[in-house]
Amino acid sequence: MGFHETFKALSDPIRRDILTYLKNGEVSVGEISDQFNVSKATISHHLSILKKADLVYEHKEKNFIYYGLNTSVFEELSLWVTQFMKGQDK
């Protein structure tokens, strides 16, 4: 995925909060939903956008779906942003 999808996904505060919640490891959809005062359908929509942007991955275990951060996308984004910081202290 390109940066367009990444930045679109990052533009929403709920999606950013979901990413922050996931930084400590994989979490089930139910646990994510419990953290927010929105419907489960809304959380599912946000997770779908984050997944489309490759910011999160999912895996199924029995009757549960777990989400985790795809750190490689964050590393790529960090490298891209860092290029604008080099030479700024001159």
Protein backbone atom coordinates (compact mmCIF):
# COMPACT_ATOMS: atom_id res chain seq x y z
CA MET A 1 0.00 0.00 0.00
CA GLY A 2 1.07 3.56 -0.59
CA PHE A 3 1.30 6.46 1.76
CA HIS A 4 -2.09 7.73 0.58
CA GLU A 5 -3.87 4.87 2.39
CA THR A 6 -1.57 5.21 5.38
CA PHE A 7 -2.24 8.91 5.86
CA LYS A 8 -5.97 8.43 5.27
CA ALA A 9 -6.03 5.78 7.97
CA LEU A 10 -4.02 7.97 10.35
CA SER A 11 -6.27 10.99 9.78
CA ASP A 12 -8.98 9.75 12.14
CA PRO A 13 -8.49 10.15 15.92
CA ILE A 14 -10.28 6.89 16.75
CA ARG A 15 -7.99 4.95 14.40
CA ARG A 16 -4.94 6.62 15.98
CA ASP A 17 -6.26 5.64 19.41
CA ILE A 18 -6.76 2.06 18.24
CA LEU A 19 -3.15 1.98 17.03
CA THR A 20 -1.96 3.35 20.37
CA TYR A 21 -3.99 0.67 22.16
CA LEU A 22 -2.38 -2.03 20.02
CA LYS A 23 1.20 -0.94 20.72
CA ASN A 24 1.43 -3.35 23.66
CA GLY A 25 0.51 -6.41 21.62
CA GLU A 26 -2.29 -8.29 19.94
CA VAL A 27 -5.80 -7.66 21.19
CA SER A 28 -9.17 -9.18 20.34
CA VAL A 29 -11.84 -7.15 18.57
CA GLY A 30 -13.99 -7.34 21.68
CA GLU A 31 -11.24 -5.87 23.84
CA ILE A 32 -10.75 -3.05 21.33
CA SER A 33 -14.50 -2.36 21.23
CA ASP A 34 -14.63 -2.17 25.02
CA GLN A 35 -12.17 0.74 24.96
CA PHE A 36 -14.34 3.04 22.84
CA ASN A 37 -17.76 4.58 23.19
CA VAL A 38 -18.83 3.64 19.66
CA SER A 39 -20.64 0.67 18.15
CA LYS A 40 -18.87 -2.56 17.31
CA ALA A 41 -19.76 -1.92 13.66
CA THR A 42 -17.90 1.40 13.82
CA ILE A 43 -14.85 -0.28 15.35
CA SER A 44 -15.01 -2.94 12.65
CA HIS A 45 -15.07 -0.21 9.99
CA HIS A 46 -12.04 1.51 11.53
CA LEU A 47 -10.16 -1.79 11.76
CA SER A 48 -10.97 -2.48 8.11
CA ILE A 49 -9.42 0.83 7.08
CA LEU A 50 -6.35 0.20 9.24
CA LYS A 51 -6.01 -3.27 7.72
CA LYS A 52 -6.37 -1.92 4.17
CA ALA A 53 -3.54 0.50 4.93
CA ASP A 54 -1.46 -2.45 6.26
CA LEU A 55 -1.09 -0.70 9.62
CA VAL A 56 -2.57 -3.72 11.39
CA TYR A 57 -2.80 -7.44 10.75
CA GLU A 58 -5.41 -9.89 11.96
CA HIS A 59 -5.38 -13.51 12.86
CA LYS A 60 -8.19 -15.80 13.86
CA GLU A 61 -8.01 -18.14 16.79
CA LYS A 62 -11.07 -20.30 17.34
CA ASN A 63 -14.02 -17.86 17.52
CA PHE A 64 -11.91 -14.76 18.09
CA ILE A 65 -10.16 -12.30 15.81
CA TYR A 66 -7.02 -10.63 17.11
CA TYR A 67 -5.36 -7.51 15.76
CA GLY A 68 -1.76 -6.37 16.07
CA LEU A 69 0.45 -3.62 14.68
CA ASN A 70 2.28 -4.14 11.41
CA THR A 71 5.47 -2.44 12.54
CA SER A 72 7.16 -2.64 9.14
CA VAL A 73 4.76 0.02 7.81
CA PHE A 74 5.58 2.27 10.75
CA GLU A 75 9.30 1.78 10.09
CA GLU A 76 8.82 2.71 6.42
CA LEU A 77 6.80 5.78 7.38
CA SER A 78 9.41 6.78 9.95
CA LEU A 79 12.19 6.53 7.37
CA TRP A 80 10.20 8.67 4.97
CA VAL A 81 9.52 11.36 7.61
CA THR A 82 13.14 11.31 8.80
CA GLN A 83 14.38 12.48 5.40
CA PHE A 84 12.81 15.86 6.14
CA MET A 85 14.62 16.16 9.45
CA LYS A 86 18.14 15.66 8.14
CA GLY A 87 20.08 18.86 7.77
CA GLN A 88 17.53 20.88 9.74
CA ASP A 89 20.09 21.70 12.46
CA LYS A 90 22.44 23.58 10.11
